[in-house]
Structure formats: structure tokens, C-alpha cells
All heavy atoms as atom14 arrays in JSON, in Angstrom:
{
  "sequence": "ESGGGLVQPGGSLTLSCAASGSIDTFNTMGWYRQAPGKQRELVATITY",
  "atom14_mask": [
    [1, 1, 1, 1, 1, 1, 1, 1, 1, 0, 0, 0, 0, 0],
    [1, 1, 1, 1, 1, 1, 0, 0, 0, 0, 0, 0, 0, 0],
    [1, 1, 1, 1, 0, 0, 0, 0, 0, 0, 0, 0, 0, 0],
    [1, 1, 1, 1, 0, 0, 0, 0, 0, 0, 0, 0, 0, 0],
    [1, 1, 1, 1, 0, 0, 0, 0, 0, 0, 0, 0, 0, 0],
    [1, 1, 1, 1, 1, 1, 1, 1, 0, 0, 0, 0, 0, 0],
    [1, 1, 1, 1, 1, 1, 1, 0, 0, 0, 0, 0, 0, 0],
    [1, 1, 1, 1, 1, 1, 1, 1, 1, 0, 0, 0, 0, 0],
    [1, 1, 1, 1, 1, 1, 1, 0, 0, 0, 0, 0, 0, 0],
    [1, 1, 1, 1, 0, 0, 0, 0, 0, 0, 0, 0, 0, 0],
    [1, 1, 1, 1, 0, 0, 0, 0, 0, 0, 0, 0, 0, 0],
    [1, 1, 1, 1, 1, 1, 0, 0, 0, 0, 0, 0, 0, 0],
    [1, 1, 1, 1, 1, 1, 1, 1, 0, 0, 0, 0, 0, 0],
    [1, 1, 1, 1, 1, 1, 1, 0, 0, 0, 0, 0, 0, 0],
    [1, 1, 1, 1, 1, 1, 1, 1, 0, 0, 0, 0, 0, 0],
    [1, 1, 1, 1, 1, 1, 0, 0, 0, 0, 0, 0, 0, 0],
    [1, 1, 1, 1, 1, 1, 0, 0, 0, 0, 0, 0, 0, 0],
    [1, 1, 1, 1, 1, 0, 0, 0, 0, 0, 0, 0, 0, 0],
    [1, 1, 1, 1, 1, 0, 0, 0, 0, 0, 0, 0, 0, 0],
    [1, 1, 1, 1, 1, 1, 0, 0, 0, 0, 0, 0, 0, 0],
    [1, 1, 1, 1, 0, 0, 0, 0, 0, 0, 0, 0, 0, 0],
    [1, 1, 1, 1, 1, 1, 0, 0, 0, 0, 0, 0, 0, 0],
    [1, 1, 1, 1, 1, 1, 1, 1, 0, 0, 0, 0, 0, 0],
    [1, 1, 1, 1, 1, 1, 1, 1, 0, 0, 0, 0, 0, 0],
    [1, 1, 1, 1, 1, 1, 1, 0, 0, 0, 0, 0, 0, 0],
    [1, 1, 1, 1, 1, 1, 1, 1, 1, 1, 1, 0, 0, 0],
    [1, 1, 1, 1, 1, 1, 1, 1, 0, 0, 0, 0, 0, 0],
    [1, 1, 1, 1, 1, 1, 1, 0, 0, 0, 0, 0, 0, 0],
    [1, 1, 1, 1, 1, 1, 1, 1, 0, 0, 0, 0, 0, 0],
    [1, 1, 1, 1, 0, 0, 0, 0, 0, 0, 0, 0, 0, 0],
    [1, 1, 1, 1, 1, 1, 1, 1, 1, 1, 1, 1, 1, 1],
    [1, 1, 1, 1, 1, 1, 1, 1, 1, 1, 1, 1, 0, 0],
    [1, 1, 1, 1, 1, 1, 1, 1, 1, 1, 1, 0, 0, 0],
    [1, 1, 1, 1, 1, 1, 1, 1, 1, 0, 0, 0, 0, 0],
    [1, 1, 1, 1, 1, 0, 0, 0, 0, 0, 0, 0, 0, 0],
    [1, 1, 1, 1, 1, 1, 1, 0, 0, 0, 0, 0, 0, 0],
    [1, 1, 1, 1, 0, 0, 0, 0, 0, 0, 0, 0, 0, 0],
    [1, 1, 1, 1, 1, 1, 1, 1, 1, 0, 0, 0, 0, 0],
    [1, 1, 1, 1, 1, 1, 1, 1, 1, 0, 0, 0, 0, 0],
    [1, 1, 1, 1, 1, 1, 1, 1, 1, 1, 1, 0, 0, 0],
    [1, 1, 1, 1, 1, 1, 1, 1, 1, 0, 0, 0, 0, 0],
    [1, 1, 1, 1, 1, 1, 1, 1, 0, 0, 0, 0, 0, 0],
    [1, 1, 1, 1, 1, 1, 1, 0, 0, 0, 0, 0, 0, 0],
    [1, 1, 1, 1, 1, 0, 0, 0, 0, 0, 0, 0, 0, 0],
    [1, 1, 1, 1, 1, 1, 1, 0, 0, 0, 0, 0, 0, 0],
    [1, 1, 1, 1, 1, 1, 1, 1, 0, 0, 0, 0, 0, 0],
    [1, 1, 1, 1, 1, 1, 1, 0, 0, 0, 0, 0, 0, 0],
    [1, 1, 1, 1, 1, 1, 1, 1, 1, 1, 1, 1, 0, 0]
  ],
  "atom14_positions": [
    [[104.46, 110.75, 104.99], [103.06, 111.03, 105.29], [102.93, 111.64, 106.67], [103.74, 111.41, 107.56], [102.22, 109.76, 105.24], [102.25, 108.99, 103.93], [103.15, 107.78, 103.99], [104.11, 107.8, 104.79], [102.92, 106.83, 103.24], [0.0, 0.0, 0.0], [0.0, 0.0, 0.0], [0.0, 0.0, 0.0], [0.0, 0.0, 0.0], [0.0, 0.0, 0.0]],
    [[101.86, 112.38, 106.85], [101.5, 112.9, 108.16], [99.99, 113.11, 108.21], [99.33, 113.11, 107.17], [102.23, 114.22, 108.44], [101.89, 115.19, 107.47], [0.0, 0.0, 0.0], [0.0, 0.0, 0.0], [0.0, 0.0, 0.0], [0.0, 0.0, 0.0], [0.0, 0.0, 0.0], [0.0, 0.0, 0.0], [0.0, 0.0, 0.0], [0.0, 0.0, 0.0]],
    [[99.47, 113.27, 109.43], [98.07, 113.62, 109.59], [97.17, 112.51, 110.07], [95.97, 112.74, 110.3], [0.0, 0.0, 0.0], [0.0, 0.0, 0.0], [0.0, 0.0, 0.0], [0.0, 0.0, 0.0], [0.0, 0.0, 0.0], [0.0, 0.0, 0.0], [0.0, 0.0, 0.0], [0.0, 0.0, 0.0], [0.0, 0.0, 0.0], [0.0, 0.0, 0.0]],
    [[97.69, 111.31, 110.22], [96.85, 110.24, 110.72], [96.52, 110.43, 112.19], [97.03, 111.33, 112.85], [0.0, 0.0, 0.0], [0.0, 0.0, 0.0], [0.0, 0.0, 0.0], [0.0, 0.0, 0.0], [0.0, 0.0, 0.0], [0.0, 0.0, 0.0], [0.0, 0.0, 0.0], [0.0, 0.0, 0.0], [0.0, 0.0, 0.0], [0.0, 0.0, 0.0]],
    [[95.63, 109.56, 112.69], [95.27, 109.65, 114.1], [93.98, 108.95, 114.39], [93.47, 108.17, 113.58], [0.0, 0.0, 0.0], [0.0, 0.0, 0.0], [0.0, 0.0, 0.0], [0.0, 0.0, 0.0], [0.0, 0.0, 0.0], [0.0, 0.0, 0.0], [0.0, 0.0, 0.0], [0.0, 0.0, 0.0], [0.0, 0.0, 0.0], [0.0, 0.0, 0.0]],
    [[93.43, 109.25, 115.55], [92.17, 108.66, 116.01], [91.05, 109.67, 115.82], [91.19, 110.84, 116.23], [92.29, 108.28, 117.49], [91.02, 107.82, 118.19], [90.51, 106.52, 117.57], [91.28, 107.66, 119.69], [0.0, 0.0, 0.0], [0.0, 0.0, 0.0], [0.0, 0.0, 0.0], [0.0, 0.0, 0.0], [0.0, 0.0, 0.0], [0.0, 0.0, 0.0]],
    [[89.96, 109.23, 115.25], [88.82, 110.1, 115.01], [87.54, 109.3, 115.24], [87.51, 108.08, 115.04], [88.87, 110.69, 113.59], [88.75, 109.61, 112.54], [87.81, 111.77, 113.39], [0.0, 0.0, 0.0], [0.0, 0.0, 0.0], [0.0, 0.0, 0.0], [0.0, 0.0, 0.0], [0.0, 0.0, 0.0], [0.0, 0.0, 0.0], [0.0, 0.0, 0.0]],
    [[86.5, 109.98, 115.67], [85.22, 109.32, 115.89], [84.49, 109.1, 114.56], [84.72, 109.84, 113.59], [84.34, 110.16, 116.82], [84.86, 110.24, 118.23], [83.89, 110.96, 119.15], [83.0, 111.69, 118.71], [84.05, 110.75, 120.45], [0.0, 0.0, 0.0], [0.0, 0.0, 0.0], [0.0, 0.0, 0.0], [0.0, 0.0, 0.0], [0.0, 0.0, 0.0]],
    [[83.63, 108.12, 114.5], [82.82, 107.94, 113.29], [82.09, 109.22, 112.92], [81.55, 109.91, 113.8], [81.85, 106.83, 113.68], [82.58, 106.04, 114.72], [83.37, 107.05, 115.5], [0.0, 0.0, 0.0], [0.0, 0.0, 0.0], [0.0, 0.0, 0.0], [0.0, 0.0, 0.0], [0.0, 0.0, 0.0], [0.0, 0.0, 0.0], [0.0, 0.0, 0.0]],
    [[82.11, 109.52, 111.63], [81.51, 110.77, 111.16], [82.47, 111.94, 111.14], [82.14, 113.01, 110.59], [0.0, 0.0, 0.0], [0.0, 0.0, 0.0], [0.0, 0.0, 0.0], [0.0, 0.0, 0.0], [0.0, 0.0, 0.0], [0.0, 0.0, 0.0], [0.0, 0.0, 0.0], [0.0, 0.0, 0.0], [0.0, 0.0, 0.0], [0.0, 0.0, 0.0]],
    [[83.63, 111.76, 111.71], [84.61, 112.83, 111.78], [85.43, 112.96, 110.51], [85.2, 112.26, 109.52], [0.0, 0.0, 0.0], [0.0, 0.0, 0.0], [0.0, 0.0, 0.0], [0.0, 0.0, 0.0], [0.0, 0.0, 0.0], [0.0, 0.0, 0.0], [0.0, 0.0, 0.0], [0.0, 0.0, 0.0], [0.0, 0.0, 0.0], [0.0, 0.0, 0.0]],
    [[86.4, 113.87, 110.57], [87.24, 114.18, 109.41], [88.72, 114.17, 109.79], [89.08, 114.45, 110.94], [86.88, 115.57, 108.85], [85.55, 115.61, 108.41], [0.0, 0.0, 0.0], [0.0, 0.0, 0.0], [0.0, 0.0, 0.0], [0.0, 0.0, 0.0], [0.0, 0.0, 0.0], [0.0, 0.0, 0.0], [0.0, 0.0, 0.0], [0.0, 0.0, 0.0]],
    [[89.53, 113.85, 108.8], [90.98, 113.95, 108.92], [91.53, 114.35, 107.57], [90.94, 114.04, 106.53], [91.6, 112.6, 109.3], [91.65, 112.16, 110.75], [92.24, 110.76, 110.84], [92.44, 113.13, 111.61], [0.0, 0.0, 0.0], [0.0, 0.0, 0.0], [0.0, 0.0, 0.0], [0.0, 0.0, 0.0], [0.0, 0.0, 0.0], [0.0, 0.0, 0.0]],
    [[92.67, 115.01, 107.6], [93.39, 115.32, 106.37], [94.79, 114.74, 106.44], [95.53, 115.03, 107.38], [93.48, 116.83, 106.13], [92.17, 117.38, 106.04], [94.23, 117.12, 104.83], [0.0, 0.0, 0.0], [0.0, 0.0, 0.0], [0.0, 0.0, 0.0], [0.0, 0.0, 0.0], [0.0, 0.0, 0.0], [0.0, 0.0, 0.0], [0.0, 0.0, 0.0]],
    [[95.11, 113.91, 105.47], [96.45, 113.35, 105.36], [97.27, 114.19, 104.38], [96.74, 114.68, 103.39], [96.4, 111.91, 104.87], [95.53, 110.94, 105.67], [95.65, 109.53, 105.08], [95.91, 110.94, 107.13], [0.0, 0.0, 0.0], [0.0, 0.0, 0.0], [0.0, 0.0, 0.0], [0.0, 0.0, 0.0], [0.0, 0.0, 0.0], [0.0, 0.0, 0.0]],
    [[98.55, 114.3, 104.68], [99.47, 115.01, 103.8], [100.65, 114.11, 103.48], [101.03, 113.25, 104.28], [99.99, 116.28, 104.48], [98.95, 117.15, 104.81], [0.0, 0.0, 0.0], [0.0, 0.0, 0.0], [0.0, 0.0, 0.0], [0.0, 0.0, 0.0], [0.0, 0.0, 0.0], [0.0, 0.0, 0.0], [0.0, 0.0, 0.0], [0.0, 0.0, 0.0]],
    [[101.22, 114.31, 102.3], [102.39, 113.54, 101.89], [103.34, 114.49, 101.18], [102.96, 115.15, 100.2], [101.99, 112.4, 100.98], [103.38, 111.5, 100.27], [0.0, 0.0, 0.0], [0.0, 0.0, 0.0], [0.0, 0.0, 0.0], [0.0, 0.0, 0.0], [0.0, 0.0, 0.0], [0.0, 0.0, 0.0], [0.0, 0.0, 0.0], [0.0, 0.0, 0.0]],
    [[104.57, 114.53, 101.66], [105.6, 115.37, 101.06], [106.56, 114.49, 100.29], [107.11, 113.52, 100.84], [106.35, 116.13, 102.14], [0.0, 0.0, 0.0], [0.0, 0.0, 0.0], [0.0, 0.0, 0.0], [0.0, 0.0, 0.0], [0.0, 0.0, 0.0], [0.0, 0.0, 0.0], [0.0, 0.0, 0.0], [0.0, 0.0, 0.0], [0.0, 0.0, 0.0]],
    [[106.76, 114.83, 99.02], [107.68, 114.08, 98.17], [108.95, 114.88, 97.97], [108.92, 116.11, 97.83], [107.03, 113.79, 96.83], [0.0, 0.0, 0.0], [0.0, 0.0, 0.0], [0.0, 0.0, 0.0], [0.0, 0.0, 0.0], [0.0, 0.0, 0.0], [0.0, 0.0, 0.0], [0.0, 0.0, 0.0], [0.0, 0.0, 0.0], [0.0, 0.0, 0.0]],
    [[110.07, 114.19, 97.94], [111.36, 114.83, 97.7], [112.25, 113.87, 96.92], [112.0, 112.67, 96.87], [112.03, 115.25, 99.0], [112.27, 114.12, 99.82], [0.0, 0.0, 0.0], [0.0, 0.0, 0.0], [0.0, 0.0, 0.0], [0.0, 0.0, 0.0], [0.0, 0.0, 0.0], [0.0, 0.0, 0.0], [0.0, 0.0, 0.0], [0.0, 0.0, 0.0]],
    [[113.3, 114.43, 96.33], [114.24, 113.6, 95.57], [114.1, 113.81, 94.08], [113.75, 114.89, 93.62], [0.0, 0.0, 0.0], [0.0, 0.0, 0.0], [0.0, 0.0, 0.0], [0.0, 0.0, 0.0], [0.0, 0.0, 0.0], [0.0, 0.0, 0.0], [0.0, 0.0, 0.0], [0.0, 0.0, 0.0], [0.0, 0.0, 0.0], [0.0, 0.0, 0.0]],
    [[114.32, 112.75, 93.33], [114.34, 112.8, 91.86], [112.92, 112.63, 91.31], [112.54, 111.55, 90.86], [115.27, 111.73, 91.3], [116.58, 111.91, 91.8], [0.0, 0.0, 0.0], [0.0, 0.0, 0.0], [0.0, 0.0, 0.0], [0.0, 0.0, 0.0], [0.0, 0.0, 0.0], [0.0, 0.0, 0.0], [0.0, 0.0, 0.0], [0.0, 0.0, 0.0]],
    [[112.18, 113.71, 91.33], [110.77, 113.66, 90.93], [110.63, 114.16, 89.5], [111.03, 115.28, 89.19], [109.91, 114.52, 91.87], [110.05, 114.01, 93.31], [108.45, 114.49, 91.42], [109.44, 114.93, 94.34], [0.0, 0.0, 0.0], [0.0, 0.0, 0.0], [0.0, 0.0, 0.0], [0.0, 0.0, 0.0], [0.0, 0.0, 0.0], [0.0, 0.0, 0.0]],
    [[110.06, 113.34, 88.64], [109.76, 113.76, 87.29], [108.57, 114.69, 87.29], [107.7, 114.6, 88.16], [109.45, 112.55, 86.41], [110.7, 111.77, 86.05], [111.8, 112.29, 86.28], [110.56, 110.65, 85.56], [0.0, 0.0, 0.0], [0.0, 0.0, 0.0], [0.0, 0.0, 0.0], [0.0, 0.0, 0.0], [0.0, 0.0, 0.0], [0.0, 0.0, 0.0]],
    [[108.52, 115.54, 86.28], [107.41, 116.48, 86.19], [106.08, 115.75, 86.08], [105.11, 116.1, 86.75], [107.58, 117.4, 84.98], [108.78, 118.15, 85.15], [106.41, 118.36, 84.85], [0.0, 0.0, 0.0], [0.0, 0.0, 0.0], [0.0, 0.0, 0.0], [0.0, 0.0, 0.0], [0.0, 0.0, 0.0], [0.0, 0.0, 0.0], [0.0, 0.0, 0.0]],
    [[106.03, 114.73, 85.24], [104.76, 114.03, 85.0], [104.72, 112.75, 85.81], [105.43, 111.79, 85.53], [104.6, 113.75, 83.51], [104.57, 115.0, 82.69], [105.68, 115.38, 81.94], [103.46, 115.83, 82.7], [105.66, 116.55, 81.21], [103.43, 117.0, 81.97], [104.54, 117.36, 81.22], [0.0, 0.0, 0.0], [0.0, 0.0, 0.0], [0.0, 0.0, 0.0]],
    [[103.92, 112.78, 86.84], [103.8, 111.61, 87.69], [102.37, 111.53, 88.21], [101.59, 112.49, 88.1], [104.78, 111.69, 88.87], [104.58, 112.94, 89.71], [103.57, 113.09, 90.39], [105.54, 113.84, 89.68], [0.0, 0.0, 0.0], [0.0, 0.0, 0.0], [0.0, 0.0, 0.0], [0.0, 0.0, 0.0], [0.0, 0.0, 0.0], [0.0, 0.0, 0.0]],
    [[102.05, 110.4, 88.76], [100.77, 110.22, 89.41], [101.03, 109.95, 90.88], [101.87, 109.12, 91.22], [99.99, 109.04, 88.79], [99.68, 109.36, 87.43], [98.7, 108.78, 89.55], [0.0, 0.0, 0.0], [0.0, 0.0, 0.0], [0.0, 0.0, 0.0], [0.0, 0.0, 0.0], [0.0, 0.0, 0.0], [0.0, 0.0, 0.0], [0.0, 0.0, 0.0]],
    [[100.33, 110.65, 91.72], [100.43, 110.43, 93.16], [99.11, 109.88, 93.67], [98.05, 110.1, 93.07], [100.8, 111.72, 93.88], [102.14, 112.29, 93.45], [102.69, 113.68, 94.46], [103.21, 112.85, 95.96], [0.0, 0.0, 0.0], [0.0, 0.0, 0.0], [0.0, 0.0, 0.0], [0.0, 0.0, 0.0], [0.0, 0.0, 0.0], [0.0, 0.0, 0.0]],
    [[99.19, 109.17, 94.77], [97.96, 108.58, 95.26], [98.07, 108.11, 96.69], [99.12, 108.19, 97.32], [0.0, 0.0, 0.0], [0.0, 0.0, 0.0], [0.0, 0.0, 0.0], [0.0, 0.0, 0.0], [0.0, 0.0, 0.0], [0.0, 0.0, 0.0], [0.0, 0.0, 0.0], [0.0, 0.0, 0.0], [0.0, 0.0, 0.0], [0.0, 0.0, 0.0]],
    [[96.94, 107.64, 97.17], [96.83, 107.07, 98.5], [96.27, 105.66, 98.4], [95.32, 105.41, 97.65], [95.91, 107.92, 99.38], [96.47, 109.26, 99.7], [96.26, 110.42, 99.02], [97.35, 109.57, 100.78], [96.96, 111.45, 99.62], [97.64, 110.94, 100.71], [97.93, 108.83, 101.82], [98.46, 111.59, 101.62], [98.75, 109.47, 102.72], [99.01, 110.84, 102.62]],
    [[96.87, 104.78, 99.13], [96.42, 103.4, 99.27], [96.28, 103.11, 100.75], [96.83, 103.83, 101.58], [97.42, 102.44, 98.63], [97.52, 102.56, 97.13], [98.12, 103.66, 96.53], [96.99, 101.57, 96.3], [98.19, 103.79, 95.15], [97.07, 101.67, 94.92], [97.67, 102.78, 94.35], [97.73, 102.89, 92.99], [0.0, 0.0, 0.0], [0.0, 0.0, 0.0]],
    [[95.55, 102.07, 101.08], [95.4, 101.71, 102.49], [95.41, 100.2, 102.66], [95.07, 99.45, 101.75], [94.12, 102.31, 103.08], [92.83, 101.74, 102.51], [91.64, 102.51, 103.05], [90.37, 101.96, 102.55], [89.18, 102.52, 102.77], [89.08, 103.65, 103.48], [88.09, 101.96, 102.29], [0.0, 0.0, 0.0], [0.0, 0.0, 0.0], [0.0, 0.0, 0.0]],
    [[95.8, 99.81, 103.86], [95.83, 98.39, 104.2], [95.25, 98.21, 105.6], [95.82, 98.7, 106.58], [97.24, 97.83, 104.13], [97.3, 96.33, 104.29], [98.64, 95.75, 103.89], [99.64, 96.46, 103.77], [98.68, 94.45, 103.66], [0.0, 0.0, 0.0], [0.0, 0.0, 0.0], [0.0, 0.0, 0.0], [0.0, 0.0, 0.0], [0.0, 0.0, 0.0]],
    [[94.14, 97.52, 105.65], [93.51, 97.21, 106.92], [94.08, 95.9, 107.47], [94.61, 95.09, 106.7], [92.0, 97.1, 106.74], [0.0, 0.0, 0.0], [0.0, 0.0, 0.0], [0.0, 0.0, 0.0], [0.0, 0.0, 0.0], [0.0, 0.0, 0.0], [0.0, 0.0, 0.0], [0.0, 0.0, 0.0], [0.0, 0.0, 0.0], [0.0, 0.0, 0.0]],
    [[93.95, 95.67, 108.77], [94.49, 94.43, 109.34], [93.91, 93.2, 108.65], [92.69, 93.08, 108.48], [94.04, 94.51, 110.8], [93.89, 95.95, 111.08], [93.4, 96.56, 109.79], [0.0, 0.0, 0.0], [0.0, 0.0, 0.0], [0.0, 0.0, 0.0], [0.0, 0.0, 0.0], [0.0, 0.0, 0.0], [0.0, 0.0, 0.0], [0.0, 0.0, 0.0]],
    [[94.78, 92.29, 108.22], [94.35, 91.06, 107.6], [93.89, 91.18, 106.17], [93.39, 90.21, 105.59], [0.0, 0.0, 0.0], [0.0, 0.0, 0.0], [0.0, 0.0, 0.0], [0.0, 0.0, 0.0], [0.0, 0.0, 0.0], [0.0, 0.0, 0.0], [0.0, 0.0, 0.0], [0.0, 0.0, 0.0], [0.0, 0.0, 0.0], [0.0, 0.0, 0.0]],
    [[94.04, 92.37, 105.59], [93.59, 92.58, 104.21], [94.74, 93.05, 103.33], [95.77, 93.5, 103.82], [92.45, 93.61, 104.17], [91.19, 93.14, 104.87], [90.04, 94.12, 104.64], [88.76, 93.62, 105.27], [87.62, 94.56, 105.03], [0.0, 0.0, 0.0], [0.0, 0.0, 0.0], [0.0, 0.0, 0.0], [0.0, 0.0, 0.0], [0.0, 0.0, 0.0]],
    [[94.52, 92.95, 102.03], [95.53, 93.42, 101.09], [95.46, 94.94, 100.95], [94.42, 95.57, 101.22], [95.32, 92.77, 99.73], [95.62, 91.28, 99.7], [95.56, 90.72, 98.29], [94.87, 91.22, 97.42], [96.33, 89.65, 98.05], [0.0, 0.0, 0.0], [0.0, 0.0, 0.0], [0.0, 0.0, 0.0], [0.0, 0.0, 0.0], [0.0, 0.0, 0.0]],
    [[96.58, 95.51, 100.53], [96.6, 96.94, 100.26], [95.66, 97.24, 99.09], [95.64, 96.53, 98.1], [98.02, 97.39, 99.94], [98.23, 98.89, 99.91], [99.68, 99.25, 99.73], [100.51, 98.77, 100.82], [101.79, 99.1, 100.98], [102.38, 99.91, 100.1], [102.48, 98.61, 101.99], [0.0, 0.0, 0.0], [0.0, 0.0, 0.0], [0.0, 0.0, 0.0]],
    [[94.91, 98.34, 99.23], [93.94, 98.69, 98.2], [94.04, 100.17, 97.83], [94.45, 101.01, 98.64], [92.51, 98.4, 98.66], [92.06, 99.2, 99.85], [90.6, 98.92, 100.26], [89.99, 98.02, 99.67], [90.1, 99.64, 101.13], [0.0, 0.0, 0.0], [0.0, 0.0, 0.0], [0.0, 0.0, 0.0], [0.0, 0.0, 0.0], [0.0, 0.0, 0.0]],
    [[93.63, 100.47, 96.62], [93.59, 101.84, 96.15], [92.56, 102.64, 96.92], [91.44, 102.17, 97.15], [93.24, 101.86, 94.66], [92.87, 103.21, 94.06], [94.11, 104.07, 93.89], [92.17, 103.03, 92.73], [0.0, 0.0, 0.0], [0.0, 0.0, 0.0], [0.0, 0.0, 0.0], [0.0, 0.0, 0.0], [0.0, 0.0, 0.0], [0.0, 0.0, 0.0]],
    [[92.92, 103.87, 97.28], [91.95, 104.81, 97.82], [91.65, 105.88, 96.77], [90.5, 106.09, 96.39], [92.47, 105.47, 99.11], [91.48, 106.51, 99.62], [92.74, 104.42, 100.18], [0.0, 0.0, 0.0], [0.0, 0.0, 0.0], [0.0, 0.0, 0.0], [0.0, 0.0, 0.0], [0.0, 0.0, 0.0], [0.0, 0.0, 0.0], [0.0, 0.0, 0.0]],
    [[92.7, 106.55, 96.3], [92.53, 107.6, 95.31], [93.86, 107.92, 94.67], [94.91, 107.78, 95.31], [91.95, 108.87, 95.94], [0.0, 0.0, 0.0], [0.0, 0.0, 0.0], [0.0, 0.0, 0.0], [0.0, 0.0, 0.0], [0.0, 0.0, 0.0], [0.0, 0.0, 0.0], [0.0, 0.0, 0.0], [0.0, 0.0, 0.0], [0.0, 0.0, 0.0]],
    [[93.8, 108.35, 93.41], [95.0, 108.81, 92.71], [94.71, 110.13, 92.02], [93.55, 110.46, 91.74], [95.49, 107.8, 91.67], [94.47, 107.61, 90.69], [95.87, 106.47, 92.3], [0.0, 0.0, 0.0], [0.0, 0.0, 0.0], [0.0, 0.0, 0.0], [0.0, 0.0, 0.0], [0.0, 0.0, 0.0], [0.0, 0.0, 0.0], [0.0, 0.0, 0.0]],
    [[95.79, 110.86, 91.74], [95.67, 112.13, 91.03], [96.88, 112.31, 90.14], [98.02, 112.12, 90.57], [95.5, 113.31, 92.02], [95.28, 114.62, 91.27], [96.68, 113.4, 92.99], [94.82, 115.77, 92.18], [0.0, 0.0, 0.0], [0.0, 0.0, 0.0], [0.0, 0.0, 0.0], [0.0, 0.0, 0.0], [0.0, 0.0, 0.0], [0.0, 0.0, 0.0]],
    [[96.63, 112.65, 88.88], [97.74, 112.86, 87.95], [98.32, 114.25, 88.14], [97.75, 115.11, 88.83], [97.26, 112.71, 86.5], [96.35, 113.79, 86.21], [96.57, 111.38, 86.28], [0.0, 0.0, 0.0], [0.0, 0.0, 0.0], [0.0, 0.0, 0.0], [0.0, 0.0, 0.0], [0.0, 0.0, 0.0], [0.0, 0.0, 0.0], [0.0, 0.0, 0.0]],
    [[99.45, 114.5, 87.47], [100.07, 115.82, 87.54], [99.1, 116.89, 87.04], [99.05, 118.0, 87.58], [101.34, 115.84, 86.7], [102.11, 117.13, 86.79], [103.03, 117.33, 87.82], [101.93, 118.15, 85.86], [103.74, 118.5, 87.92], [102.64, 119.33, 85.95], [103.53, 119.5, 86.98], [104.24, 120.68, 87.09], [0.0, 0.0, 0.0], [0.0, 0.0, 0.0]]
  ]
}
């Protein structure tokens, strides 16, 4: 992953993720997040 950082409320950021290795054609990629003291949660997913 790349693209994280500090931003003011109301601002924008774009995260990127590069995959490599043994990748099947049909897969689902997504983003999850984990805030301090909380469980990891789904943000968004996208199918092939």
C-alpha cells in the first residue's frame, strides 16, 4: 500500500495498492481499516 498520510477534515487522499505474485484472474480486492482499540472493518471491495 501507499498514499496514506495526514490530512485535515474535509480533505482528500488516494490510497494505492500494488499486487504481485501468483494472482488468479478472478479475485476480489478491497480495503479494510482498523482504528485504535477497534476491530478491523470493511471499507470497500471490488471484484475483477
